[in-house]
Protein backbone atom coordinates (compact mmCIF):
# COMPACT_ATOMS: atom_id res chain seq x y z
CA MET A 1 233.87 -117.24 175.90
CA ASN A 2 233.94 -114.58 173.21
CA PHE A 3 232.12 -116.94 170.90
CA SER A 4 229.41 -117.57 173.50
CA MET A 5 228.92 -113.85 174.08
CA ASN A 6 228.78 -113.12 170.40
CA PHE A 7 226.27 -115.91 169.92
CA LEU A 8 224.05 -114.61 172.73
CA ARG A 9 224.27 -111.08 171.36
CA ALA A 10 223.30 -112.30 167.85
CA LYS A 11 220.50 -114.33 169.26
CA ASN A 12 219.18 -111.40 171.29
CA TRP A 13 219.46 -109.15 168.18
CA ASN A 14 217.45 -111.67 166.18
CA TYR A 15 214.76 -111.74 168.88
CA ALA A 16 214.68 -107.96 168.94
CA SER A 17 214.49 -107.80 165.12
CA LEU A 18 211.66 -110.28 165.09
CA PHE A 19 209.83 -108.34 167.81
CA PHE A 20 210.05 -105.03 165.93
CA LEU A 21 209.11 -106.73 162.66
CA SER A 22 206.02 -108.23 164.33
CA ILE A 23 204.98 -104.73 165.60
CA ILE A 24 205.34 -103.31 162.12
CA LEU A 25 203.28 -106.09 160.56
CA ILE A 26 200.53 -105.67 163.15
CA LEU A 27 200.36 -101.93 162.63
CA SER A 28 200.40 -102.45 158.87
CA CYS A 29 197.51 -104.91 159.04
CA LYS A 30 195.46 -102.57 161.18
CA GLN A 31 196.07 -99.74 158.80
CA LYS A 32 195.02 -101.84 155.79
CA THR A 33 191.91 -102.91 157.55
CA LYS A 34 190.82 -99.29 158.13
CA VAL A 35 191.31 -98.47 154.49
CA ILE A 36 189.20 -101.42 153.40
CA GLU A 37 186.41 -100.48 155.84
CA GLU A 38 186.36 -96.93 154.55
CA GLU A 39 186.15 -98.02 150.92
CA THR A 40 183.29 -100.40 151.51
CA GLU A 41 181.00 -97.88 153.15
CA PRO A 42 179.61 -96.18 150.02
CA THR A 43 177.34 -98.25 147.84
CA ALA A 44 178.40 -99.06 144.35
CA SER A 45 175.81 -97.00 142.59
CA SER A 46 176.40 -93.99 144.88
CA THR A 47 179.99 -93.78 143.74
CA GLN A 48 178.88 -94.32 140.18
CA ILE A 49 176.52 -91.28 140.41
CA GLU A 50 179.26 -89.09 141.91
CA GLN A 51 181.76 -89.94 139.14
CA ASN A 52 181.75 -88.79 135.54
CA SER A 53 180.76 -91.69 133.43
CA LEU A 54 182.10 -92.34 129.97
CA ASN A 55 178.54 -92.86 128.87
CA SER A 56 177.33 -89.42 129.99
CA GLU A 57 176.65 -86.15 128.22
CA PRO A 58 174.97 -82.83 128.99
CA ALA A 59 171.24 -83.19 128.66
CA GLY A 60 170.95 -79.98 126.74
CA ILE A 61 167.77 -79.03 128.63
CA ALA A 62 167.35 -75.26 128.77
CA ASP A 63 163.70 -74.99 129.78
CA MET A 64 162.08 -75.62 133.11
CA HIS A 65 160.57 -79.09 133.41
CA GLN A 66 157.24 -79.50 135.12
CA VAL A 67 156.82 -83.19 135.97
CA ILE A 68 154.72 -85.60 138.04
CA ALA A 69 156.37 -88.29 140.14
CA ARG A 70 155.11 -91.74 139.07
CA GLU A 71 157.53 -94.08 140.82
CA VAL A 72 160.15 -93.56 143.63
CA LEU A 73 163.11 -95.72 144.49
CA ASN A 74 165.41 -94.78 147.42
CA THR A 75 169.04 -95.69 148.16
CA SER A 76 171.23 -94.64 151.08
CA LYS A 77 172.23 -91.39 149.36
CA TYR A 78 170.00 -90.93 146.29
CA THR A 79 166.42 -90.99 145.17
CA TYR A 80 165.48 -92.37 141.74
CA ILE A 81 162.26 -91.01 140.36
CA LYS A 82 160.26 -92.03 137.31
CA VAL A 83 158.64 -88.83 136.19
CA GLN A 84 156.05 -87.90 133.58
CA GLU A 85 156.19 -84.72 131.50
CA ASP A 86 153.18 -84.41 129.22
CA LYS A 87 153.13 -87.83 127.50
CA ASP A 88 156.81 -88.67 128.09
CA THR A 89 158.14 -90.72 131.01
CA PHE A 90 161.80 -90.96 132.05
CA TRP A 91 163.97 -91.52 135.09
CA ILE A 92 165.96 -88.94 137.07
CA ALA A 93 168.24 -89.20 140.10
CA VAL A 94 168.49 -86.55 142.88
CA SER A 95 170.11 -86.37 146.29
CA LYS A 96 168.03 -88.37 148.81
CA GLN A 97 164.85 -86.55 149.68
CA GLU A 98 161.19 -87.19 150.29
CA VAL A 99 159.32 -87.48 147.00
CA LYS A 100 155.62 -88.35 146.88
CA VAL A 101 154.10 -90.28 143.99
CA GLY A 102 151.47 -88.24 142.19
CA LYS A 103 152.87 -84.89 143.31
CA GLU A 104 154.08 -82.20 140.90
CA TYR A 105 157.77 -81.13 140.80
CA TYR A 106 160.07 -78.82 138.89
CA PHE A 107 163.63 -79.13 137.78
CA ARG A 108 165.97 -77.52 135.25
CA ASN A 109 169.03 -78.93 133.49
CA GLY A 110 170.67 -82.24 134.24
CA LEU A 111 173.45 -84.65 133.23
CA LYS A 112 172.27 -87.48 131.00
CA LYS A 113 173.65 -90.99 131.67
CA THR A 114 173.10 -93.84 129.22
CA ASP A 115 173.01 -97.51 130.16
CA PHE A 116 173.43 -96.69 133.87
CA TYR A 117 173.55 -99.84 136.00
CA SER A 118 172.44 -99.74 139.59
CA GLN A 119 173.74 -102.49 141.83
CA GLU A 120 171.21 -101.79 144.56
CA PHE A 121 168.32 -102.52 142.19
CA GLN A 122 170.21 -104.82 139.83
CA ARG A 123 168.78 -103.06 136.82
CA THR A 124 170.00 -100.94 133.97
CA PHE A 125 168.44 -97.55 133.26
CA PRO A 126 168.70 -96.93 129.50
CA GLN A 127 168.70 -93.17 130.21
CA LEU A 128 168.99 -91.41 133.50
CA LEU A 129 169.13 -87.64 134.24
CA LEU A 130 171.22 -86.53 137.25
CA VAL A 131 169.48 -83.45 138.60
CA SER A 132 170.90 -81.12 141.29
CA ASN A 133 167.90 -78.76 141.77
CA PHE A 134 164.62 -80.58 142.26
CA VAL A 135 161.73 -78.86 144.07
CA SER A 136 158.03 -79.46 144.62
CA ALA A 137 155.53 -77.17 142.98
CA ASP A 138 154.62 -75.87 146.49
CA GLN A 139 158.07 -74.45 146.93
CA HIS A 140 158.82 -73.43 143.37
CA PRO A 141 158.89 -69.66 142.81
CA GLY A 142 157.24 -69.36 139.42
CA GLY A 143 159.20 -71.58 137.07
CA GLN A 144 162.52 -69.83 136.69
CA LEU A 145 165.84 -71.15 138.02
CA ASN A 146 168.90 -68.83 138.06
CA SER A 147 167.25 -66.66 135.47
CA ASN A 148 169.12 -64.16 133.32
CA THR A 149 167.95 -60.73 132.19
CA ALA A 150 168.09 -61.90 128.59
CA SER A 151 167.61 -65.35 127.18
CA GLU A 152 169.37 -66.57 124.03
CA GLU A 153 166.47 -68.66 122.87
CA SER A 154 165.78 -68.31 119.16
CA GLU A 155 162.03 -67.80 119.63
CA PRO A 156 159.75 -66.59 122.40
CA ALA A 157 157.70 -69.18 124.22
CA SER A 158 154.54 -68.63 122.20
CA HIS A 159 155.58 -67.57 118.70
CA ASN A 160 157.93 -65.30 116.73
CA HIS A 161 157.17 -61.69 117.60
CA GLN A 162 157.69 -59.46 114.62
CA HIS A 163 157.86 -56.32 116.83
CA ASP A 164 158.11 -55.35 120.49
CA GLU A 165 154.60 -56.19 121.76
CA SER A 166 155.41 -54.62 125.12
CA ILE A 167 155.08 -51.13 123.55
CA THR A 168 151.83 -49.25 123.96
CA ASN A 169 150.62 -45.78 122.97
CA ASP A 170 150.51 -44.71 126.57
CA PRO A 171 153.70 -42.83 127.43
CA SER A 172 153.39 -43.83 131.16
CA PHE A 173 154.26 -47.44 130.15
CA ILE A 174 157.87 -48.68 129.86
CA SER A 175 158.69 -51.09 127.02
CA LEU A 176 160.83 -54.09 127.87
CA LEU A 177 163.56 -52.77 125.54
CA THR A 178 163.78 -49.60 127.52
CA LEU A 179 163.56 -51.44 130.83
CA PHE A 180 166.42 -53.86 130.14
CA GLU A 181 168.67 -51.10 128.80
CA ASP A 182 169.01 -49.76 132.40
CA THR A 183 167.23 -51.90 134.98
CA LYS A 184 168.97 -50.11 137.87
CA LYS A 185 167.20 -46.91 136.89
CA TYR A 186 163.83 -48.53 137.74
CA ASN A 187 164.87 -50.59 140.81
CA GLN A 188 162.36 -50.37 143.66
CA LYS A 189 160.06 -48.14 141.60
CA ASN A 190 156.51 -48.64 140.51
CA ILE A 191 156.35 -49.09 136.75
CA LYS A 192 153.75 -50.01 134.11
CA VAL A 193 154.39 -52.70 131.51
CA HIS A 194 152.37 -54.34 128.78
CA GLY A 195 152.74 -57.60 126.91
CA GLU A 196 151.44 -60.98 125.88
CA ILE A 197 151.42 -63.68 128.57
CA VAL A 198 153.72 -66.37 127.10
CA LYS A 199 153.97 -68.49 130.23
CA ALA A 200 151.98 -68.83 133.43
CA ASN A 201 152.27 -70.81 136.68
CA TYR A 202 149.28 -70.48 138.99
CA GLN A 203 149.07 -70.34 142.75
CA ILE A 204 152.65 -71.13 143.61
CA MET A 205 153.64 -69.54 146.91
CA ASN A 206 150.14 -68.04 147.04
CA ARG A 207 150.58 -66.02 143.86
CA ASN A 208 150.45 -66.33 140.05
CA TRP A 209 153.62 -66.06 137.99
CA TYR A 210 153.50 -64.63 134.46
CA HIS A 211 156.13 -64.04 131.79
CA ILE A 212 156.09 -61.40 129.04
CA GLN A 213 158.81 -61.14 126.45
CA ALA A 214 160.30 -58.96 123.76
CA LYS A 215 163.21 -59.47 121.31
CA ASN A 216 166.07 -56.93 121.30
CA THR A 217 168.09 -55.78 118.31
CA LYS A 218 170.61 -58.64 118.83
CA GLY A 219 167.90 -61.24 118.64
CA LYS A 220 167.98 -62.08 122.36
CA ILE A 221 164.71 -62.50 124.17
CA LEU A 222 164.11 -60.21 127.13
CA ASP A 223 161.98 -62.07 129.64
CA LEU A 224 160.22 -60.28 132.52
CA THR A 225 158.60 -62.29 135.31
CA ILE A 226 155.52 -60.76 136.97
CA THR A 227 153.88 -61.97 140.14
CA SER A 228 150.24 -61.11 140.69
CA GLN A 229 146.98 -62.27 142.22
CA GLU A 230 145.20 -61.60 138.91
CA ASN A 231 144.01 -64.58 136.84
CA ILE A 232 145.13 -64.29 133.21
CA LYS A 233 145.36 -66.93 130.49
CA VAL A 234 148.40 -67.68 128.38
CA GLY A 235 148.10 -65.80 125.07
CA ASP A 236 146.17 -62.85 126.53
CA HIS A 237 147.56 -59.34 126.40
CA ALA A 238 147.70 -57.55 129.73
CA SER A 239 148.91 -54.32 131.30
CA PHE A 240 150.48 -54.44 134.81
CA GLU A 241 151.63 -51.99 137.43
CA GLY A 242 153.98 -53.11 140.18
CA MET A 243 157.26 -52.71 142.09
CA LEU A 244 160.40 -53.67 140.10
CA SER A 245 163.06 -55.59 142.09
CA LEU A 246 166.55 -56.64 141.13
CA ASN A 247 168.48 -59.73 142.26
CA LYS A 248 165.57 -61.27 144.06
CA ASP A 249 166.62 -64.53 145.70
CA PHE A 250 163.94 -67.00 146.79
CA GLY A 251 166.44 -69.65 147.92
CA SER A 252 167.01 -73.19 146.62
CA GLY A 253 168.93 -71.73 143.60
CA TYR A 254 165.96 -69.71 142.42
CA ARG A 255 167.03 -66.15 141.72
CA TYR A 256 165.59 -63.44 139.50
CA ASN A 257 167.74 -60.69 138.11
CA VAL A 258 164.64 -58.68 137.28
CA ILE A 259 161.06 -59.24 138.57
CA LEU A 260 157.92 -57.21 138.86
CA GLU A 261 156.24 -58.13 142.16
CA ASP A 262 152.70 -57.94 143.45
CA ALA A 263 151.51 -56.35 140.18
CA THR A 264 147.96 -55.26 139.62
CA LEU A 265 146.12 -55.56 136.35
CA ILE A 266 145.41 -52.23 134.65
CA LYS A 267 141.98 -52.26 133.15
CA ASN A 268 141.91 -50.88 129.60
């Protein structure tokens, strides 16, 4: 009798053990299935772009790039663009957005990838730039992204200035050296400046964008952006009067520490 009871208890325990083990296995399989589904959602090249590749290096691009889109390839998350800058053509990748072939765009900086393989297109890009800020010329505020009050470039955009060309004989003008010594002093004030136009972008956001520069005693280049409706050629010397603004933010990562807005051309 005792043997029979013990046998039945053991048998029932085995059934119970098998029942609980089955529940654990079912839950485990369901859990594994969820993990697999989550991992297969992103495309292969999307995860490649988000990760730091061993074959990547900073592009070392300090200047603004003005390019024309020549070919566009879209994935679920990214847009590949073959762009032309002057006579050079190369590929860049940005977060997915509408890009039109033949339209002009701007970008600054990027992470260069070499021998980047895209599974979606089953092709290898010998060089690919990953770009975070990419805007059309219609939206671009004058060709300066996250600008600083002083640039550490070795030379100005046009040539090596031997002296401060922003200085004039008129005492009502402020030289760039004086301006950048204490920009807060001139914030929201009308000032007069003079200099050589070393860079120009025309009719962006319904205005023209000019840059004049001077080199300080430490060899850094002081770059002042000026917006105006006046039409001036690069290389010309011009005198402006306008309102100085600090920390002007146009959005999309475009911010000016110092900018002279709505300036008028002073006729000499």
